[in-house]
């Protein structure tokens, strides 16, 4: 029985346009990751010390989320 691997990119974009697209995708991913971290920190900062302790965190841990 034959099988096709569809989980890997079979075609790569080459050339200048591909590099611009990859740069944009990398930048967009960085912005999304930064925003996710920011939202998480804001949510955790809204918790009390007791609530943070219940989930095994401290204020210091919240400040270091990246």
PDB file of N, CA and C in Angstrom:
ATOM      1  N   UNK A   1       0.840  -1.158   0.000  1.00  0.00           N
ATOM      2  CA  UNK A   1       0.000   0.000   0.000  1.00  0.00           C
ATOM      3  C   UNK A   1       0.901   1.242   0.000  1.00  0.00           C
ATOM      4  N   UNK A   2       0.585   2.205  -0.816  1.00  0.00           N
ATOM      5  CA  UNK A   2       1.380   3.422  -0.932  1.00  0.00           C
ATOM      6  C   UNK A   2       0.840   4.486   0.025  1.00  0.00           C
ATOM      7  N   UNK A   3       1.732   5.310   0.533  1.00  0.00           N
ATOM      8  CA  UNK A   3       1.340   6.394   1.430  1.00  0.00           C
ATOM      9  C   UNK A   3       2.093   7.651   1.025  1.00  0.00           C
ATOM     10  N   UNK A   4       1.449   8.763   1.187  1.00  0.00           N
ATOM     11  CA  UNK A   4       2.056  10.049   0.887  1.00  0.00           C
ATOM     12  C   UNK A   4       2.270  10.812   2.183  1.00  0.00           C
ATOM     13  N   UNK A   5       3.431  11.385   2.329  1.00  0.00           N
ATOM     14  CA  UNK A   5       3.736  12.192   3.499  1.00  0.00           C
ATOM     15  C   UNK A   5       3.250  13.610   3.240  1.00  0.00           C
ATOM     16  N   UNK A   6       2.174  13.996   3.886  1.00  0.00           N
ATOM     17  CA  UNK A   6       1.617  15.335   3.687  1.00  0.00           C
ATOM     18  C   UNK A   6       1.915  16.254   4.861  1.00  0.00           C
ATOM     19  N   UNK A   7       2.742  15.815   5.791  1.00  0.00           N
ATOM     20  CA  UNK A   7       3.026  16.624   6.967  1.00  0.00           C
ATOM     21  C   UNK A   7       4.217  17.546   6.775  1.00  0.00           C
ATOM     22  N   UNK A   8       4.947  17.382   5.713  1.00  0.00           N
ATOM     23  CA  UNK A   8       6.130  18.212   5.487  1.00  0.00           C
ATOM     24  C   UNK A   8       5.917  19.074   4.254  1.00  0.00           C
ATOM     25  N   UNK A   9       6.536  20.232   4.295  1.00  0.00           N
ATOM     26  CA  UNK A   9       6.452  21.117   3.139  1.00  0.00           C
ATOM     27  C   UNK A   9       7.242  20.502   1.986  1.00  0.00           C
ATOM     28  N   UNK A  10       6.582  20.288   0.895  1.00  0.00           N
ATOM     29  CA  UNK A  10       7.229  19.675  -0.261  1.00  0.00           C
ATOM     30  C   UNK A  10       7.817  20.728  -1.196  1.00  0.00           C
ATOM     31  N   UNK A  11       7.273  21.924  -1.125  1.00  0.00           N
ATOM     32  CA  UNK A  11       7.712  22.967  -2.048  1.00  0.00           C
ATOM     33  C   UNK A  11       8.201  24.161  -1.247  1.00  0.00           C
ATOM     34  N   UNK A  12       9.350  24.657  -1.583  1.00  0.00           N
ATOM     35  CA  UNK A  12       9.888  25.828  -0.919  1.00  0.00           C
ATOM     36  C   UNK A  12       9.841  27.006  -1.877  1.00  0.00           C
ATOM     37  N   UNK A  13       9.491  28.152  -1.352  1.00  0.00           N
ATOM     38  CA  UNK A  13       9.488  29.352  -2.163  1.00  0.00           C
ATOM     39  C   UNK A  13      10.926  29.840  -2.263  1.00  0.00           C
ATOM     40  N   UNK A  14      11.372  30.048  -3.461  1.00  0.00           N
ATOM     41  CA  UNK A  14      12.753  30.460  -3.669  1.00  0.00           C
ATOM     42  C   UNK A  14      12.792  31.925  -4.097  1.00  0.00           C
ATOM     43  N   UNK A  15      13.937  32.497  -3.962  1.00  0.00           N
ATOM     44  CA  UNK A  15      14.153  33.833  -4.471  1.00  0.00           C
ATOM     45  C   UNK A  15      13.869  34.928  -3.461  1.00  0.00           C
ATOM     46  N   UNK A  16      13.942  36.139  -3.974  1.00  0.00           N
ATOM     47  CA  UNK A  16      13.792  37.332  -3.153  1.00  0.00           C
ATOM     48  C   UNK A  16      12.410  37.417  -2.521  1.00  0.00           C
ATOM     49  N   UNK A  17      11.373  37.138  -3.286  1.00  0.00           N
ATOM     50  CA  UNK A  17      10.004  37.204  -2.768  1.00  0.00           C
ATOM     51  C   UNK A  17       9.811  36.197  -1.637  1.00  0.00           C
ATOM     52  N   UNK A  18      10.405  35.041  -1.762  1.00  0.00           N
ATOM     53  CA  UNK A  18      10.308  34.034  -0.710  1.00  0.00           C
ATOM     54  C   UNK A  18      10.981  34.467   0.572  1.00  0.00           C
ATOM     55  N   UNK A  19      12.126  35.136   0.432  1.00  0.00           N
ATOM     56  CA  UNK A  19      12.826  35.632   1.614  1.00  0.00           C
ATOM     57  C   UNK A  19      12.036  36.739   2.295  1.00  0.00           C
ATOM     58  N   UNK A  20      11.406  37.591   1.514  1.00  0.00           N
ATOM     59  CA  UNK A  20      10.571  38.646   2.097  1.00  0.00           C
ATOM     60  C   UNK A  20       9.386  38.019   2.825  1.00  0.00           C
ATOM     61  N   UNK A  21       8.772  37.037   2.203  1.00  0.00           N
ATOM     62  CA  UNK A  21       7.642  36.358   2.834  1.00  0.00           C
ATOM     63  C   UNK A  21       8.048  35.665   4.118  1.00  0.00           C
ATOM     64  N   UNK A  22       9.196  35.015   4.114  1.00  0.00           N
ATOM     65  CA  UNK A  22       9.677  34.330   5.316  1.00  0.00           C
ATOM     66  C   UNK A  22       9.995  35.335   6.410  1.00  0.00           C
ATOM     67  N   UNK A  23      10.587  36.457   6.063  1.00  0.00           N
ATOM     68  CA  UNK A  23      10.890  37.495   7.041  1.00  0.00           C
ATOM     69  C   UNK A  23       9.606  38.024   7.658  1.00  0.00           C
ATOM     70  N   UNK A  24       8.599  38.269   6.832  1.00  0.00           N
ATOM     71  CA  UNK A  24       7.315  38.747   7.333  1.00  0.00           C
ATOM     72  C   UNK A  24       6.682  37.710   8.258  1.00  0.00           C
ATOM     73  N   UNK A  25       6.730  36.441   7.883  1.00  0.00           N
ATOM     74  CA  UNK A  25       6.154  35.380   8.702  1.00  0.00           C
ATOM     75  C   UNK A  25       6.872  35.282  10.047  1.00  0.00           C
ATOM     76  N   UNK A  26       8.191  35.418  10.047  1.00  0.00           N
ATOM     77  CA  UNK A  26       8.964  35.376  11.283  1.00  0.00           C
ATOM     78  C   UNK A  26       8.612  36.559  12.175  1.00  0.00           C
ATOM     79  N   UNK A  27       8.497  37.732  11.588  1.00  0.00           N
ATOM     80  CA  UNK A  27       8.127  38.930  12.340  1.00  0.00           C
ATOM     81  C   UNK A  27       6.728  38.795  12.922  1.00  0.00           C
ATOM     82  N   UNK A  28       5.791  38.307  12.126  1.00  0.00           N
ATOM     83  CA  UNK A  28       4.419  38.125  12.600  1.00  0.00           C
ATOM     84  C   UNK A  28       4.373  37.120  13.745  1.00  0.00           C
ATOM     85  N   UNK A  29       5.133  36.047  13.654  1.00  0.00           N
ATOM     86  CA  UNK A  29       5.164  35.047  14.724  1.00  0.00           C
ATOM     87  C   UNK A  29       5.736  35.645  16.008  1.00  0.00           C
ATOM     88  N   UNK A  30       6.739  36.504  15.882  1.00  0.00           N
ATOM     89  CA  UNK A  30       7.324  37.147  17.061  1.00  0.00           C
ATOM     90  C   UNK A  30       6.315  38.073  17.728  1.00  0.00           C
ATOM     91  N   UNK A  31       5.557  38.817  16.934  1.00  0.00           N
ATOM     92  CA  UNK A  31       4.543  39.723  17.480  1.00  0.00           C
ATOM     93  C   UNK A  31       3.439  38.922  18.179  1.00  0.00           C
ATOM     94  N   UNK A  32       3.014  37.828  17.580  1.00  0.00           N
ATOM     95  CA  UNK A  32       1.980  36.988  18.184  1.00  0.00           C
ATOM     96  C   UNK A  32       2.474  36.405  19.511  1.00  0.00           C
ATOM     97  N   UNK A  33       3.705  35.927  19.553  1.00  0.00           N
ATOM     98  CA  UNK A  33       4.263  35.362  20.784  1.00  0.00           C
ATOM     99  C   UNK A  33       4.375  36.434  21.869  1.00  0.00           C
ATOM    100  N   UNK A  34       4.822  37.633  21.492  1.00  0.00           N
ATOM    101  CA  UNK A  34       4.924  38.734  22.452  1.00  0.00           C
ATOM    102  C   UNK A  34       3.548  39.066  23.025  1.00  0.00           C
ATOM    103  N   UNK A  35       2.538  39.125  22.170  1.00  0.00           N
ATOM    104  CA  UNK A  35       1.201  39.468  22.638  1.00  0.00           C
ATOM    105  C   UNK A  35       0.635  38.377  23.544  1.00  0.00           C
ATOM    106  N   UNK A  36       0.867  37.123  23.216  1.00  0.00           N
ATOM    107  CA  UNK A  36       0.414  36.026  24.078  1.00  0.00           C
ATOM    108  C   UNK A  36       1.048  36.134  25.469  1.00  0.00           C
ATOM    109  N   UNK A  37       2.338  36.424  25.513  1.00  0.00           N
ATOM    110  CA  UNK A  37       3.028  36.589  26.790  1.00  0.00           C
ATOM    111  C   UNK A  37       2.465  37.769  27.570  1.00  0.00           C
ATOM    112  N   UNK A  38       2.192  38.863  26.881  1.00  0.00           N
ATOM    113  CA  UNK A  38       1.648  40.056  27.524  1.00  0.00           C
ATOM    114  C   UNK A  38       0.277  39.772  28.130  1.00  0.00           C
ATOM    115  N   UNK A  39      -0.584  39.101  27.383  1.00  0.00           N
ATOM    116  CA  UNK A  39      -1.925  38.769  27.868  1.00  0.00           C
ATOM    117  C   UNK A  39      -1.833  37.844  29.082  1.00  0.00           C
ATOM    118  N   UNK A  40      -0.934  36.876  29.018  1.00  0.00           N
ATOM    119  CA  UNK A  40      -0.754  35.949  30.137  1.00  0.00           C
ATOM    120  C   UNK A  40      -0.274  36.677  31.383  1.00  0.00           C
ATOM    121  N   UNK A  41       0.732  37.559  31.221  1.00  0.00           N
ATOM    122  CA  UNK A  41       1.230  38.323  32.377  1.00  0.00           C
ATOM    123  C   UNK A  41       0.135  39.186  32.984  1.00  0.00           C
ATOM    124  N   UNK A  42      -0.661  39.836  32.140  1.00  0.00           N
ATOM    125  CA  UNK A  42      -1.743  40.683  32.650  1.00  0.00           C
ATOM    126  C   UNK A  42      -2.771  39.866  33.421  1.00  0.00           C
ATOM    127  N   UNK A  43      -3.104  38.691  32.912  1.00  0.00           N
ATOM    128  CA  UNK A  43      -4.077  37.838  33.601  1.00  0.00           C
ATOM    129  C   UNK A  43      -3.522  37.362  34.942  1.00  0.00           C
ATOM    130  N   UNK A  44      -2.255  36.959  34.955  1.00  0.00           N
ATOM    131  CA  UNK A  44      -1.656  36.490  36.197  1.00  0.00           C
ATOM    132  C   UNK A  44      -1.473  37.619  37.205  1.00  0.00           C
ATOM    133  N   UNK A  45      -1.200  38.821  36.728  1.00  0.00           N
ATOM    134  CA  UNK A  45      -1.067  39.959  37.644  1.00  0.00           C
ATOM    135  C   UNK A  45      -2.388  40.311  38.301  1.00  0.00           C
ATOM    136  N   UNK A  46      -3.490  39.886  37.719  1.00  0.00           N
ATOM    137  CA  UNK A  46      -4.801  40.126  38.308  1.00  0.00           C
ATOM    138  C   UNK A  46      -5.144  39.159  39.427  1.00  0.00           C
ATOM    139  N   UNK A  47      -4.325  38.129  39.620  1.00  0.00           N
ATOM    140  CA  UNK A  47      -4.569  37.150  40.669  1.00  0.00           C
ATOM    141  C   UNK A  47      -3.988  37.618  41.996  1.00  0.00           C
ATOM    142  N   UNK A  48      -4.564  37.118  43.073  1.00  0.00           N
ATOM    143  CA  UNK A  48      -4.030  37.420  44.405  1.00  0.00           C
ATOM    144  C   UNK A  48      -2.815  36.540  44.669  1.00  0.00           C
ATOM    145  N   UNK A  49      -2.089  36.890  45.733  1.00  0.00           N
ATOM    146  CA  UNK A  49      -0.926  36.087  46.124  1.00  0.00           C
ATOM    147  C   UNK A  49      -1.349  34.652  46.418  1.00  0.00           C
ATOM    148  N   UNK A  50      -2.475  34.505  47.059  1.00  0.00           N
ATOM    149  CA  UNK A  50      -2.971  33.164  47.407  1.00  0.00           C
ATOM    150  C   UNK A  50      -3.283  32.356  46.145  1.00  0.00           C
ATOM    151  N   UNK A  51      -3.924  32.989  45.161  1.00  0.00           N
ATOM    152  CA  UNK A  51      -4.248  32.295  43.912  1.00  0.00           C
ATOM    153  C   UNK A  51      -2.985  31.902  43.153  1.00  0.00           C
ATOM    154  N   UNK A  52      -2.004  32.786  43.144  1.00  0.00           N
ATOM    155  CA  UNK A  52      -0.734  32.455  42.502  1.00  0.00           C
ATOM    156  C   UNK A  52      -0.053  31.289  43.219  1.00  0.00           C
ATOM    157  N   UNK A  53      -0.090  31.311  44.539  1.00  0.00           N
ATOM    158  CA  UNK A  53       0.505  30.224  45.314  1.00  0.00           C
ATOM    159  C   UNK A  53      -0.189  28.898  45.007  1.00  0.00           C
ATOM    160  N   UNK A  54      -1.501  28.930  44.806  1.00  0.00           N
ATOM    161  CA  UNK A  54      -2.251  27.713  44.493  1.00  0.00           C
ATOM    162  C   UNK A  54      -1.791  27.070  43.185  1.00  0.00           C
ATOM    163  N   UNK A  55      -1.344  27.887  42.242  1.00  0.00           N
ATOM    164  CA  UNK A  55      -0.886  27.326  40.961  1.00  0.00           C
ATOM    165  C   UNK A  55       0.638  27.225  40.894  1.00  0.00           C
ATOM    166  N   UNK A  56       1.288  27.483  42.022  1.00  0.00           N
ATOM    167  CA  UNK A  56       2.730  27.280  42.108  1.00  0.00           C
ATOM    168  C   UNK A  56       3.572  28.405  41.544  1.00  0.00           C
ATOM    169  N   UNK A  57       3.044  29.621  41.559  1.00  0.00           N
ATOM    170  CA  UNK A  57       3.792  30.770  41.042  1.00  0.00           C
ATOM    171  C   UNK A  57       3.918  31.847  42.100  1.00  0.00           C
ATOM    172  N   UNK A  58       4.847  32.763  41.880  1.00  0.00           N
ATOM    173  CA  UNK A  58       4.982  33.953  42.718  1.00  0.00           C
ATOM    174  C   UNK A  58       4.980  35.170  41.796  1.00  0.00           C
ATOM    175  N   UNK A  59       4.948  36.347  42.390  1.00  0.00           N
ATOM    176  CA  UNK A  59       5.006  37.575  41.575  1.00  0.00           C
ATOM    177  C   UNK A  59       6.277  37.622  40.745  1.00  0.00           C
ATOM    178  N   UNK A  60       7.365  37.146  41.308  1.00  0.00           N
ATOM    179  CA  UNK A  60       8.637  37.112  40.586  1.00  0.00           C
ATOM    180  C   UNK A  60       8.505  36.237  39.321  1.00  0.00           C
ATOM    181  N   UNK A  61       7.826  35.098  39.439  1.00  0.00           N
ATOM    182  CA  UNK A  61       7.646  34.226  38.294  1.00  0.00           C
ATOM    183  C   UNK A  61       6.834  34.905  37.197  1.00  0.00           C
ATOM    184  N   UNK A  62       5.819  35.635  37.591  1.00  0.00           N
ATOM    185  CA  UNK A  62       4.950  36.317  36.612  1.00  0.00           C
ATOM    186  C   UNK A  62       5.754  37.339  35.823  1.00  0.00           C
ATOM    187  N   UNK A  63       6.609  38.071  36.502  1.00  0.00           N
ATOM    188  CA  UNK A  63       7.420  39.102  35.833  1.00  0.00           C
ATOM    189  C   UNK A  63       8.404  38.504  34.827  1.00  0.00           C
ATOM    190  N   UNK A  64       8.762  37.243  35.009  1.00  0.00           N
ATOM    191  CA  UNK A  64       9.764  36.613  34.135  1.00  0.00           C
ATOM    192  C   UNK A  64       9.166  35.761  33.023  1.00  0.00           C
ATOM    193  N   UNK A  65       7.869  35.841  32.828  1.00  0.00           N
ATOM    194  CA  UNK A  65       7.248  35.076  31.753  1.00  0.00           C
ATOM    195  C   UNK A  65       7.632  35.705  30.419  1.00  0.00           C
ATOM    196  N   UNK A  66       8.202  34.878  29.525  1.00  0.00           N
ATOM    197  CA  UNK A  66       8.586  35.321  28.189  1.00  0.00           C
ATOM    198  C   UNK A  66       8.245  34.260  27.203  1.00  0.00           C
TER     199      UNK A  66
END
